[in-house]
Amino acid sequence: MVAVFALAIMPLVGFAQLSQSFPCDPKTGLNCSAGSDINGLIRTVINWLLGIAFGIAVLFLIIGGFWYITSAGNEETAEKGKNTAINAIIGIVIIILSYVIVNVVANFVTRPTNV
């Protein structure tokens, strides 16, 4: 598990080194979205992944609602649609809470320390 994580994070480390070589240019917007440090890059990647997960959860909510509405009295399909919609709503709540937790932890880790 550690090896898979290390392999997955290697491109991020390489990109962090690249962004230090090419500073942020406010005129063109190059290298400005992720910041120039690894913390900003990790935060950006996590926010993108949470956004993709949110989109998938909304898609499942729509699918569950469609199954529930088009069940036409079929108890099994109606129950399947209802369970899918409920699980999608639970997923959306978890994703929103994850977004809040990631931003709170990131702000806590990256804030300047006054010693």
PDB file of N, CA and C in Angstrom:
ATOM      1  N   MET A   1       0.828  -1.177   0.000  1.00  0.00           N
ATOM      2  CA  MET A   1       0.000   0.000   0.000  1.00  0.00           C
ATOM      3  C   MET A   1       0.887   1.261   0.000  1.00  0.00           C
ATOM      4  N   VAL A   2       1.937   1.223   0.782  1.00  0.00           N
ATOM      5  CA  VAL A   2       2.847   2.362   0.840  1.00  0.00           C
ATOM      6  C   VAL A   2       3.537   2.557  -0.503  1.00  0.00           C
ATOM      7  N   ALA A   3       3.909   1.455  -1.136  1.00  0.00           N
ATOM      8  CA  ALA A   3       4.574   1.550  -2.436  1.00  0.00           C
ATOM      9  C   ALA A   3       3.646   2.138  -3.488  1.00  0.00           C
ATOM     10  N   VAL A   4       2.379   1.742  -3.481  1.00  0.00           N
ATOM     11  CA  VAL A   4       1.413   2.281  -4.440  1.00  0.00           C
ATOM     12  C   VAL A   4       1.221   3.775  -4.193  1.00  0.00           C
ATOM     13  N   PHE A   5       1.129   4.169  -2.932  1.00  0.00           N
ATOM     14  CA  PHE A   5       0.987   5.585  -2.610  1.00  0.00           C
ATOM     15  C   PHE A   5       2.215   6.370  -3.049  1.00  0.00           C
ATOM     16  N   ALA A   6       3.396   5.808  -2.811  1.00  0.00           N
ATOM     17  CA  ALA A   6       4.633   6.495  -3.208  1.00  0.00           C
ATOM     18  C   ALA A   6       4.695   6.655  -4.721  1.00  0.00           C
ATOM     19  N   LEU A   7       4.299   5.625  -5.457  1.00  0.00           N
ATOM     20  CA  LEU A   7       4.294   5.730  -6.919  1.00  0.00           C
ATOM     21  C   LEU A   7       3.250   6.728  -7.403  1.00  0.00           C
ATOM     22  N   ALA A   8       2.124   6.788  -6.718  1.00  0.00           N
ATOM     23  CA  ALA A   8       1.059   7.710  -7.133  1.00  0.00           C
ATOM     24  C   ALA A   8       1.443   9.159  -6.876  1.00  0.00           C
ATOM     25  N   ILE A   9       2.236   9.422  -5.856  1.00  0.00           N
ATOM     26  CA  ILE A   9       2.569  10.803  -5.508  1.00  0.00           C
ATOM     27  C   ILE A   9       3.826  11.303  -6.222  1.00  0.00           C
ATOM     28  N   MET A  10       4.577  10.421  -6.862  1.00  0.00           N
ATOM     29  CA  MET A  10       5.804  10.837  -7.549  1.00  0.00           C
ATOM     30  C   MET A  10       5.580  11.928  -8.600  1.00  0.00           C
ATOM     31  N   PRO A  11       4.543  11.850  -9.450  1.00  0.00           N
ATOM     32  CA  PRO A  11       4.347  12.944 -10.408  1.00  0.00           C
ATOM     33  C   PRO A  11       4.080  14.282  -9.719  1.00  0.00           C
ATOM     34  N   LEU A  12       3.432  14.248  -8.565  1.00  0.00           N
ATOM     35  CA  LEU A  12       3.169  15.484  -7.843  1.00  0.00           C
ATOM     36  C   LEU A  12       4.463  16.130  -7.369  1.00  0.00           C
ATOM     37  N   VAL A  13       5.375  15.305  -6.896  1.00  0.00           N
ATOM     38  CA  VAL A  13       6.663  15.831  -6.448  1.00  0.00           C
ATOM     39  C   VAL A  13       7.426  16.423  -7.629  1.00  0.00           C
ATOM     40  N   GLY A  14       7.397  15.735  -8.742  1.00  0.00           N
ATOM     41  CA  GLY A  14       8.064  16.258  -9.944  1.00  0.00           C
ATOM     42  C   GLY A  14       7.449  17.557 -10.409  1.00  0.00           C
ATOM     43  N   PHE A  15       6.127  17.652 -10.362  1.00  0.00           N
ATOM     44  CA  PHE A  15       5.452  18.872 -10.769  1.00  0.00           C
ATOM     45  C   PHE A  15       5.774  20.020  -9.815  1.00  0.00           C
ATOM     46  N   ALA A  16       5.924  19.711  -8.535  1.00  0.00           N
ATOM     47  CA  ALA A  16       6.270  20.750  -7.573  1.00  0.00           C
ATOM     48  C   ALA A  16       7.649  21.321  -7.889  1.00  0.00           C
ATOM     49  N   GLN A  17       8.578  20.470  -8.298  1.00  0.00           N
ATOM     50  CA  GLN A  17       9.897  20.951  -8.670  1.00  0.00           C
ATOM     51  C   GLN A  17       9.822  21.803  -9.928  1.00  0.00           C
ATOM     52  N   LEU A  18       8.969  21.411 -10.866  1.00  0.00           N
ATOM     53  CA  LEU A  18       8.803  22.183 -12.099  1.00  0.00           C
ATOM     54  C   LEU A  18       8.235  23.564 -11.809  1.00  0.00           C
ATOM     55  N   SER A  19       7.249  23.635 -10.914  1.00  0.00           N
ATOM     56  CA  SER A  19       6.613  24.920 -10.658  1.00  0.00           C
ATOM     57  C   SER A  19       7.562  25.870  -9.942  1.00  0.00           C
ATOM     58  N   GLN A  20       8.582  25.346  -9.260  1.00  0.00           N
ATOM     59  CA  GLN A  20       9.563  26.224  -8.646  1.00  0.00           C
ATOM     60  C   GLN A  20      10.496  26.803  -9.712  1.00  0.00           C
ATOM     61  N   SER A  21      10.711  26.065 -10.802  1.00  0.00           N
ATOM     62  CA  SER A  21      11.559  26.546 -11.874  1.00  0.00           C
ATOM     63  C   SER A  21      10.871  27.632 -12.689  1.00  0.00           C
ATOM     64  N   PHE A  22       9.551  27.522 -12.826  1.00  0.00           N
ATOM     65  CA  PHE A  22       8.767  28.464 -13.608  1.00  0.00           C
ATOM     66  C   PHE A  22       7.793  29.174 -12.683  1.00  0.00           C
ATOM     67  N   PRO A  23       8.123  30.379 -12.220  1.00  0.00           N
ATOM     68  CA  PRO A  23       7.260  31.064 -11.260  1.00  0.00           C
ATOM     69  C   PRO A  23       5.932  31.478 -11.880  1.00  0.00           C
ATOM     70  N   CYS A  24       4.999  31.823 -11.014  1.00  0.00           N
ATOM     71  CA  CYS A  24       3.666  32.241 -11.437  1.00  0.00           C
ATOM     72  C   CYS A  24       3.750  33.545 -12.224  1.00  0.00           C
ATOM     73  N   ASP A  25       3.096  33.566 -13.377  1.00  0.00           N
ATOM     74  CA  ASP A  25       3.038  34.760 -14.205  1.00  0.00           C
ATOM     75  C   ASP A  25       1.595  35.270 -14.205  1.00  0.00           C
ATOM     76  N   PRO A  26       1.296  36.345 -13.450  1.00  0.00           N
ATOM     77  CA  PRO A  26      -0.085  36.825 -13.343  1.00  0.00           C
ATOM     78  C   PRO A  26      -0.673  37.300 -14.668  1.00  0.00           C
ATOM     79  N   LYS A  27       0.170  37.739 -15.601  1.00  0.00           N
ATOM     80  CA  LYS A  27      -0.344  38.227 -16.886  1.00  0.00           C
ATOM     81  C   LYS A  27      -0.946  37.102 -17.715  1.00  0.00           C
ATOM     82  N   THR A  28      -0.245  35.963 -17.771  1.00  0.00           N
ATOM     83  CA  THR A  28      -0.722  34.848 -18.586  1.00  0.00           C
ATOM     84  C   THR A  28      -1.480  33.811 -17.772  1.00  0.00           C
ATOM     85  N   GLY A  29      -1.295  33.797 -16.453  1.00  0.00           N
ATOM     86  CA  GLY A  29      -1.956  32.813 -15.619  1.00  0.00           C
ATOM     87  C   GLY A  29      -1.247  31.480 -15.568  1.00  0.00           C
ATOM     88  N   LEU A  30      -0.041  31.384 -16.140  1.00  0.00           N
ATOM     89  CA  LEU A  30       0.689  30.125 -16.128  1.00  0.00           C
ATOM     90  C   LEU A  30       1.223  29.832 -14.733  1.00  0.00           C
ATOM     91  N   ASN A  31       1.042  28.597 -14.296  1.00  0.00           N
ATOM     92  CA  ASN A  31       1.526  28.097 -13.006  1.00  0.00           C
ATOM     93  C   ASN A  31       0.932  28.846 -11.822  1.00  0.00           C
ATOM     94  N   CYS A  32      -0.224  29.452 -11.970  1.00  0.00           N
ATOM     95  CA  CYS A  32      -0.821  30.206 -10.872  1.00  0.00           C
ATOM     96  C   CYS A  32      -1.925  29.430 -10.158  1.00  0.00           C
ATOM     97  N   SER A  33      -2.477  28.399 -10.776  1.00  0.00           N
ATOM     98  CA  SER A  33      -3.634  27.730 -10.196  1.00  0.00           C
ATOM     99  C   SER A  33      -3.270  26.859  -9.005  1.00  0.00           C
ATOM    100  N   ALA A  34      -2.134  26.203  -9.027  1.00  0.00           N
ATOM    101  CA  ALA A  34      -1.788  25.282  -7.959  1.00  0.00           C
ATOM    102  C   ALA A  34      -0.840  25.898  -6.939  1.00  0.00           C
ATOM    103  N   GLY A  35      -0.355  27.073  -7.176  1.00  0.00           N
ATOM    104  CA  GLY A  35       0.607  27.659  -6.261  1.00  0.00           C
ATOM    105  C   GLY A  35       2.000  27.142  -6.571  1.00  0.00           C
ATOM    106  N   SER A  36       2.952  27.572  -5.781  1.00  0.00           N
ATOM    107  CA  SER A  36       4.321  27.174  -6.067  1.00  0.00           C
ATOM    108  C   SER A  36       4.855  26.199  -5.028  1.00  0.00           C
ATOM    109  N   ASP A  37       4.001  25.679  -4.171  1.00  0.00           N
ATOM    110  CA  ASP A  37       4.467  24.726  -3.179  1.00  0.00           C
ATOM    111  C   ASP A  37       3.685  23.422  -3.294  1.00  0.00           C
ATOM    112  N   ILE A  38       4.186  22.391  -2.666  1.00  0.00           N
ATOM    113  CA  ILE A  38       3.569  21.063  -2.741  1.00  0.00           C
ATOM    114  C   ILE A  38       2.222  21.055  -2.035  1.00  0.00           C
ATOM    115  N   ASN A  39       2.070  21.853  -0.980  1.00  0.00           N
ATOM    116  CA  ASN A  39       0.790  21.901  -0.257  1.00  0.00           C
ATOM    117  C   ASN A  39      -0.318  22.424  -1.163  1.00  0.00           C
ATOM    118  N   GLY A  40      -0.040  23.451  -1.924  1.00  0.00           N
ATOM    119  CA  GLY A  40      -1.041  23.993  -2.837  1.00  0.00           C
ATOM    120  C   GLY A  40      -1.394  23.006  -3.927  1.00  0.00           C
ATOM    121  N   LEU A  41      -0.394  22.278  -4.408  1.00  0.00           N
ATOM    122  CA  LEU A  41      -0.641  21.284  -5.445  1.00  0.00           C
ATOM    123  C   LEU A  41      -1.500  20.143  -4.915  1.00  0.00           C
ATOM    124  N   ILE A  42      -1.180  19.640  -3.747  1.00  0.00           N
ATOM    125  CA  ILE A  42      -1.969  18.552  -3.149  1.00  0.00           C
ATOM    126  C   ILE A  42      -3.390  19.021  -2.889  1.00  0.00           C
ATOM    127  N   ARG A  43      -3.544  20.233  -2.391  1.00  0.00           N
ATOM    128  CA  ARG A  43      -4.880  20.783  -2.128  1.00  0.00           C
ATOM    129  C   ARG A  43      -5.676  20.896  -3.430  1.00  0.00           C
ATOM    130  N   THR A  44      -5.035  21.330  -4.505  1.00  0.00           N
ATOM    131  CA  THR A  44      -5.708  21.449  -5.792  1.00  0.00           C
ATOM    132  C   THR A  44      -6.138  20.083  -6.314  1.00  0.00           C
ATOM    133  N   VAL A  45      -5.258  19.083  -6.212  1.00  0.00           N
ATOM    134  CA  VAL A  45      -5.587  17.730  -6.678  1.00  0.00           C
ATOM    135  C   VAL A  45      -6.741  17.156  -5.873  1.00  0.00           C
ATOM    136  N   ILE A  46      -6.716  17.318  -4.558  1.00  0.00           N
ATOM    137  CA  ILE A  46      -7.797  16.806  -3.713  1.00  0.00           C
ATOM    138  C   ILE A  46      -9.109  17.503  -4.049  1.00  0.00           C
ATOM    139  N   ASN A  47      -9.081  18.808  -4.255  1.00  0.00           N
ATOM    140  CA  ASN A  47     -10.308  19.525  -4.611  1.00  0.00           C
ATOM    141  C   ASN A  47     -10.858  19.067  -5.956  1.00  0.00           C
ATOM    142  N   TRP A  48      -9.975  18.796  -6.921  1.00  0.00           N
ATOM    143  CA  TRP A  48     -10.433  18.268  -8.214  1.00  0.00           C
ATOM    144  C   TRP A  48     -11.074  16.900  -8.036  1.00  0.00           C
ATOM    145  N   LEU A  49     -10.437  16.024  -7.268  1.00  0.00           N
ATOM    146  CA  LEU A  49     -10.991  14.689  -7.049  1.00  0.00           C
ATOM    147  C   LEU A  49     -12.334  14.751  -6.327  1.00  0.00           C
ATOM    148  N   LEU A  50     -12.458  15.657  -5.352  1.00  0.00           N
ATOM    149  CA  LEU A  50     -13.739  15.813  -4.667  1.00  0.00           C
ATOM    150  C   LEU A  50     -14.803  16.346  -5.612  1.00  0.00           C
ATOM    151  N   GLY A  51     -14.417  17.222  -6.530  1.00  0.00           N
ATOM    152  CA  GLY A  51     -15.366  17.731  -7.519  1.00  0.00           C
ATOM    153  C   GLY A  51     -15.847  16.634  -8.455  1.00  0.00           C
ATOM    154  N   ILE A  52     -14.935  15.771  -8.868  1.00  0.00           N
ATOM    155  CA  ILE A  52     -15.313  14.646  -9.728  1.00  0.00           C
ATOM    156  C   ILE A  52     -16.224  13.684  -8.965  1.00  0.00           C
ATOM    157  N   ALA A  53     -15.889  13.407  -7.701  1.00  0.00           N
ATOM    158  CA  ALA A  53     -16.729  12.527  -6.883  1.00  0.00           C
ATOM    159  C   ALA A  53     -18.112  13.129  -6.687  1.00  0.00           C
ATOM    160  N   PHE A  54     -18.182  14.452  -6.514  1.00  0.00           N
ATOM    161  CA  PHE A  54     -19.472  15.131  -6.364  1.00  0.00           C
ATOM    162  C   PHE A  54     -20.303  14.967  -7.635  1.00  0.00           C
ATOM    163  N   GLY A  55     -19.674  15.117  -8.784  1.00  0.00           N
ATOM    164  CA  GLY A  55     -20.387  14.938 -10.053  1.00  0.00           C
ATOM    165  C   GLY A  55     -20.921  13.525 -10.210  1.00  0.00           C
ATOM    166  N   ILE A  56     -20.127  12.533  -9.823  1.00  0.00           N
ATOM    167  CA  ILE A  56     -20.574  11.139  -9.904  1.00  0.00           C
ATOM    168  C   ILE A  56     -21.736  10.898  -8.947  1.00  0.00           C
ATOM    169  N   ALA A  57     -21.664  11.464  -7.736  1.00  0.00           N
ATOM    170  CA  ALA A  57     -22.753  11.298  -6.772  1.00  0.00           C
ATOM    171  C   ALA A  57     -24.043  11.934  -7.276  1.00  0.00           C
ATOM    172  N   VAL A  58     -23.943  13.100  -7.894  1.00  0.00           N
ATOM    173  CA  VAL A  58     -25.128  13.743  -8.469  1.00  0.00           C
ATOM    174  C   VAL A  58     -25.690  12.886  -9.601  1.00  0.00           C
ATOM    175  N   LEU A  59     -24.830  12.292 -10.407  1.00  0.00           N
ATOM    176  CA  LEU A  59     -25.281  11.407 -11.472  1.00  0.00           C
ATOM    177  C   LEU A  59     -26.052  10.215 -10.898  1.00  0.00           C
ATOM    178  N   PHE A  60     -25.552   9.624  -9.816  1.00  0.00           N
ATOM    179  CA  PHE A  60     -26.264   8.522  -9.180  1.00  0.00           C
ATOM    180  C   PHE A  60     -27.582   8.983  -8.560  1.00  0.00           C
ATOM    181  N   LEU A  61     -27.626  10.195  -8.060  1.00  0.00           N
ATOM    182  CA  LEU A  61     -28.884  10.731  -7.544  1.00  0.00           C
ATOM    183  C   LEU A  61     -29.915  10.843  -8.664  1.00  0.00           C
ATOM    184  N   ILE A  62     -29.490  11.303  -9.816  1.00  0.00           N
ATOM    185  CA  ILE A  62     -30.393  11.408 -10.980  1.00  0.00           C
ATOM    186  C   ILE A  62     -30.832  10.021 -11.437  1.00  0.00           C
ATOM    187  N   ILE A  63     -29.906   9.067 -11.490  1.00  0.00           N
ATOM    188  CA  ILE A  63     -30.253   7.705 -11.906  1.00  0.00           C
ATOM    189  C   ILE A  63     -31.243   7.080 -10.925  1.00  0.00           C
ATOM    190  N   GLY A  64     -30.984   7.248  -9.626  1.00  0.00           N
ATOM    191  CA  GLY A  64     -31.903   6.702  -8.615  1.00  0.00           C
ATOM    192  C   GLY A  64     -33.279   7.330  -8.709  1.00  0.00           C
ATOM    193  N   GLY A  65     -33.337   8.628  -8.927  1.00  0.00           N
ATOM    194  CA  GLY A  65     -34.629   9.294  -9.099  1.00  0.00           C
ATOM    195  C   GLY A  65     -35.344   8.811 -10.343  1.00  0.00           C
ATOM    196  N   PHE A  66     -34.603   8.596 -11.421  1.00  0.00           N
ATOM    197  CA  PHE A  66     -35.198   8.084 -12.660  1.00  0.00           C
ATOM    198  C   PHE A  66     -35.775   6.691 -12.446  1.00  0.00           C
ATOM    199  N   TRP A  67     -35.010   5.816 -11.763  1.00  0.00           N
ATOM    200  CA  TRP A  67     -35.511   4.464 -11.491  1.00  0.00           C
ATOM    201  C   TRP A  67     -36.760   4.515 -10.618  1.00  0.00           C
ATOM    202  N   TYR A  68     -36.765   5.406  -9.635  1.00  0.00           N
ATOM    203  CA  TYR A  68     -37.913   5.497  -8.728  1.00  0.00           C
ATOM    204  C   TYR A  68     -39.148   5.995  -9.466  1.00  0.00           C
ATOM    205  N   ILE A  69     -38.974   6.995 -10.309  1.00  0.00           N
ATOM    206  CA  ILE A  69     -40.121   7.571 -11.024  1.00  0.00           C
ATOM    207  C   ILE A  69     -40.657   6.603 -12.086  1.00  0.00           C
ATOM    208  N   THR A  70     -39.778   5.890 -12.767  1.00  0.00           N
ATOM    209  CA  THR A  70     -40.212   5.012 -13.849  1.00  0.00           C
ATOM    210  C   THR A  70     -40.465   3.581 -13.391  1.00  0.00           C
ATOM    211  N   SER A  71     -40.602   3.341 -12.101  1.00  0.00           N
ATOM    212  CA  SER A  71     -40.816   1.978 -11.618  1.00  0.00           C
ATOM    213  C   SER A  71     -42.187   1.434 -11.996  1.00  0.00           C
ATOM    214  N   ALA A  72     -43.161   2.286 -12.228  1.00  0.00           N
ATOM    215  CA  ALA A  72     -44.506   1.898 -12.670  1.00  0.00           C
ATOM    216  C   ALA A  72     -45.122   0.822 -11.784  1.00  0.00           C
ATOM    217  N   GLY A  73     -45.008   1.000 -10.496  1.00  0.00           N
ATOM    218  CA  GLY A  73     -45.626   0.069  -9.557  1.00  0.00           C
ATOM    219  C   GLY A  73     -44.784  -1.144  -9.231  1.00  0.00           C
ATOM    220  N   ASN A  74     -43.637  -1.306  -9.850  1.00  0.00           N
ATOM    221  CA  ASN A  74     -42.743  -2.424  -9.555  1.00  0.00           C
ATOM    222  C   ASN A  74     -42.011  -2.103  -8.253  1.00  0.00           C
ATOM    223  N   GLU A  75     -42.333  -2.855  -7.213  1.00  0.00           N
ATOM    224  CA  GLU A  75     -41.767  -2.594  -5.880  1.00  0.00           C
ATOM    225  C   GLU A  75     -40.245  -2.715  -5.856  1.00  0.00           C
ATOM    226  N   GLU A  76     -39.725  -3.707  -6.570  1.00  0.00           N
ATOM    227  CA  GLU A  76     -38.275  -3.946  -6.562  1.00  0.00           C
ATOM    228  C   GLU A  76     -37.521  -2.778  -7.198  1.00  0.00           C
ATOM    229  N   THR A  77     -38.000  -2.276  -8.329  1.00  0.00           N
ATOM    230  CA  THR A  77     -37.343  -1.151  -9.004  1.00  0.00           C
ATOM    231  C   THR A  77     -37.493   0.126  -8.192  1.00  0.00           C
ATOM    232  N   ALA A  78     -38.660   0.325  -7.581  1.00  0.00           N
ATOM    233  CA  ALA A  78     -38.871   1.516  -6.755  1.00  0.00           C
ATOM    234  C   ALA A  78     -37.935   1.502  -5.551  1.00  0.00           C
ATOM    235  N   GLU A  79     -37.787   0.348  -4.918  1.00  0.00           N
ATOM    236  CA  GLU A  79     -36.889   0.232  -3.767  1.00  0.00           C
ATOM    237  C   GLU A  79     -35.429   0.439  -4.188  1.00  0.00           C
ATOM    238  N   LYS A  80     -35.075  -0.111  -5.356  1.00  0.00           N
ATOM    239  CA  LYS A  80     -33.716   0.058  -5.883  1.00  0.00           C
ATOM    240  C   LYS A  80     -33.426   1.537  -6.155  1.00  0.00           C
ATOM    241  N   GLY A  81     -34.375   2.241  -6.756  1.00  0.00           N
ATOM    242  CA  GLY A  81     -34.205   3.665  -7.026  1.00  0.00           C
ATOM    243  C   GLY A  81     -34.122   4.487  -5.760  1.00  0.00           C
ATOM    244  N   LYS A  82     -34.979   4.151  -4.792  1.00  0.00           N
ATOM    245  CA  LYS A  82     -34.976   4.883  -3.519  1.00  0.00           C
ATOM    246  C   LYS A  82     -33.656   4.691  -2.783  1.00  0.00           C
ATOM    247  N   ASN A  83     -33.170   3.449  -2.741  1.00  0.00           N
ATOM    248  CA  ASN A  83     -31.889   3.183  -2.070  1.00  0.00           C
ATOM    249  C   ASN A  83     -30.729   3.866  -2.777  1.00  0.00           C
ATOM    250  N   THR A  84     -30.752   3.881  -4.110  1.00  0.00           N
ATOM    251  CA  THR A  84     -29.690   4.551  -4.866  1.00  0.00           C
ATOM    252  C   THR A  84     -29.697   6.049  -4.577  1.00  0.00           C
ATOM    253  N   ALA A  85     -30.871   6.661  -4.550  1.00  0.00           N
ATOM    254  CA  ALA A  85     -30.972   8.099  -4.274  1.00  0.00           C
ATOM    255  C   ALA A  85     -30.522   8.421  -2.851  1.00  0.00           C
ATOM    256  N   ILE A  86     -30.921   7.606  -1.891  1.00  0.00           N
ATOM    257  CA  ILE A  86     -30.517   7.835  -0.497  1.00  0.00           C
ATOM    258  C   ILE A  86     -29.002   7.703  -0.347  1.00  0.00           C
ATOM    259  N   ASN A  87     -28.434   6.661  -0.959  1.00  0.00           N
ATOM    260  CA  ASN A  87     -26.978   6.488  -0.883  1.00  0.00           C
ATOM    261  C   ASN A  87     -26.233   7.621  -1.583  1.00  0.00           C
ATOM    262  N   ALA A  88     -26.790   8.136  -2.668  1.00  0.00           N
ATOM    263  CA  ALA A  88     -26.163   9.269  -3.357  1.00  0.00           C
ATOM    264  C   ALA A  88     -26.194  10.517  -2.483  1.00  0.00           C
ATOM    265  N   ILE A  89     -27.305  10.738  -1.786  1.00  0.00           N
ATOM    266  CA  ILE A  89     -27.390  11.897  -0.887  1.00  0.00           C
ATOM    267  C   ILE A  89     -26.395  11.762   0.255  1.00  0.00           C
ATOM    268  N   ILE A  90     -26.259  10.555   0.804  1.00  0.00           N
ATOM    269  CA  ILE A  90     -25.261  10.322   1.855  1.00  0.00           C
ATOM    270  C   ILE A  90     -23.860  10.590   1.307  1.00  0.00           C
ATOM    271  N   GLY A  91     -23.597  10.150   0.096  1.00  0.00           N
ATOM    272  CA  GLY A  91     -22.298  10.404  -0.536  1.00  0.00           C
ATOM    273  C   GLY A  91     -22.032  11.881  -0.737  1.00  0.00           C
ATOM    274  N   ILE A  92     -23.059  12.632  -1.150  1.00  0.00           N
ATOM    275  CA  ILE A  92     -22.895  14.076  -1.344  1.00  0.00           C
ATOM    276  C   ILE A  92     -22.568  14.758  -0.021  1.00  0.00           C
ATOM    277  N   VAL A  93     -23.245  14.352   1.049  1.00  0.00           N
ATOM    278  CA  VAL A  93     -22.962  14.937   2.367  1.00  0.00           C
ATOM    279  C   VAL A  93     -21.531  14.620   2.790  1.00  0.00           C
ATOM    280  N   ILE A  94     -21.093  13.389   2.576  1.00  0.00           N
ATOM    281  CA  ILE A  94     -19.721  13.006   2.938  1.00  0.00           C
ATOM    282  C   ILE A  94     -18.707  13.789   2.110  1.00  0.00           C
ATOM    283  N   ILE A  95     -18.983  13.990   0.830  1.00  0.00           N
ATOM    284  CA  ILE A  95     -18.069  14.748  -0.034  1.00  0.00           C
ATOM    285  C   ILE A  95     -17.978  16.198   0.418  1.00  0.00           C
ATOM    286  N   ILE A  96     -19.105  16.799   0.770  1.00  0.00           N
ATOM    287  CA  ILE A  96     -19.093  18.190   1.246  1.00  0.00           C
ATOM    288  C   ILE A  96     -18.313  18.294   2.547  1.00  0.00           C
ATOM    289  N   LEU A  97     -18.541  17.357   3.465  1.00  0.00           N
ATOM    290  CA  LEU A  97     -17.783  17.373   4.720  1.00  0.00           C
ATOM    291  C   LEU A  97     -16.295  17.140   4.473  1.00  0.00           C
ATOM    292  N   SER A  98     -15.957  16.284   3.509  1.00  0.00           N
ATOM    293  CA  SER A  98     -14.546  16.063   3.169  1.00  0.00           C
ATOM    294  C   SER A  98     -13.904  17.333   2.646  1.00  0.00           C
ATOM    295  N   TYR A  99     -14.636  18.071   1.804  1.00  0.00           N
ATOM    296  CA  TYR A  99     -14.127  19.336   1.280  1.00  0.00           C
ATOM    297  C   TYR A  99     -13.832  20.312   2.432  1.00  0.00           C
ATOM    298  N   VAL A 100     -14.750  20.392   3.378  1.00  0.00           N
ATOM    299  CA  VAL A 100     -14.557  21.294   4.517  1.00  0.00           C
ATOM    300  C   VAL A 100     -13.353  20.856   5.344  1.00  0.00           C
ATOM    301  N   ILE A 101     -13.247  19.559   5.612  1.00  0.00           N
ATOM    302  CA  ILE A 101     -12.138  19.052   6.421  1.00  0.00           C
ATOM    303  C   ILE A 101     -10.803  19.293   5.720  1.00  0.00           C
ATOM    304  N   VAL A 102     -10.733  19.032   4.412  1.00  0.00           N
ATOM    305  CA  VAL A 102      -9.484  19.248   3.670  1.00  0.00           C
ATOM    306  C   VAL A 102      -9.071  20.710   3.742  1.00  0.00           C
ATOM    307  N   ASN A 103     -10.006  21.629   3.551  1.00  0.00           N
ATOM    308  CA  ASN A 103      -9.657  23.050   3.583  1.00  0.00           C
ATOM    309  C   ASN A 103      -9.287  23.529   4.978  1.00  0.00           C
ATOM    310  N   VAL A 104      -9.952  23.030   5.999  1.00  0.00           N
ATOM    311  CA  VAL A 104      -9.592  23.421   7.368  1.00  0.00           C
ATOM    312  C   VAL A 104      -8.191  22.908   7.710  1.00  0.00           C
ATOM    313  N   VAL A 105      -7.908  21.652   7.392  1.00  0.00           N
ATOM    314  CA  VAL A 105      -6.580  21.094   7.681  1.00  0.00           C
ATOM    315  C   VAL A 105      -5.510  21.808   6.859  1.00  0.00           C
ATOM    316  N   ALA A 106      -5.795  22.081   5.590  1.00  0.00           N
ATOM    317  CA  ALA A 106      -4.818  22.770   4.743  1.00  0.00           C
ATOM    318  C   ALA A 106      -4.537  24.176   5.268  1.00  0.00           C
ATOM    319  N   ASN A 107      -5.565  24.882   5.695  1.00  0.00           N
ATOM    320  CA  ASN A 107      -5.347  26.213   6.263  1.00  0.00           C
ATOM    321  C   ASN A 107      -4.575  26.138   7.573  1.00  0.00           C
ATOM    322  N   PHE A 108      -4.825  25.098   8.360  1.00  0.00           N
ATOM    323  CA  PHE A 108      -4.102  24.930   9.618  1.00  0.00           C
ATOM    324  C   PHE A 108      -2.631  24.611   9.366  1.00  0.00           C
ATOM    325  N   VAL A 109      -2.368  23.778   8.377  1.00  0.00           N
ATOM    326  CA  VAL A 109      -0.985  23.346   8.094  1.00  0.00           C
ATOM    327  C   VAL A 109      -0.193  24.480   7.439  1.00  0.00           C
ATOM    328  N   THR A 110      -0.815  25.254   6.565  1.00  0.00           N
ATOM    329  CA  THR A 110      -0.077  26.259   5.801  1.00  0.00           C
ATOM    330  C   THR A 110      -0.065  27.645   6.436  1.00  0.00           C
ATOM    331  N   ARG A 111      -0.720  27.812   7.570  1.00  0.00           N
ATOM    332  CA  ARG A 111      -0.721  29.146   8.185  1.00  0.00           C
ATOM    333  C   ARG A 111       0.652  29.443   8.772  1.00  0.00           C
ATOM    334  N   PRO A 112       1.027  30.705   8.768  1.00  0.00           N
ATOM    335  CA  PRO A 112       2.330  31.056   9.338  1.00  0.00           C
ATOM    336  C   PRO A 112       2.299  30.927  10.855  1.00  0.00           C
ATOM    337  N   THR A 113       3.415  30.495  11.407  1.00  0.00           N
ATOM    338  CA  THR A 113       3.501  30.328  12.860  1.00  0.00           C
ATOM    339  C   THR A 113       4.189  31.533  13.462  1.00  0.00           C
ATOM    340  N   ASN A 114       3.629  32.041  14.514  1.00  0.00           N
ATOM    341  CA  ASN A 114       4.216  33.171  15.248  1.00  0.00           C
ATOM    342  C   ASN A 114       4.797  32.635  16.539  1.00  0.00           C
ATOM    343  N   VAL A 115       6.102  32.449  16.552  1.00  0.00           N
ATOM    344  CA  VAL A 115       6.756  31.882  17.738  1.00  0.00           C
ATOM    345  C   VAL A 115       7.468  32.964  18.488  1.00  0.00           C
TER     346      VAL A 115
END
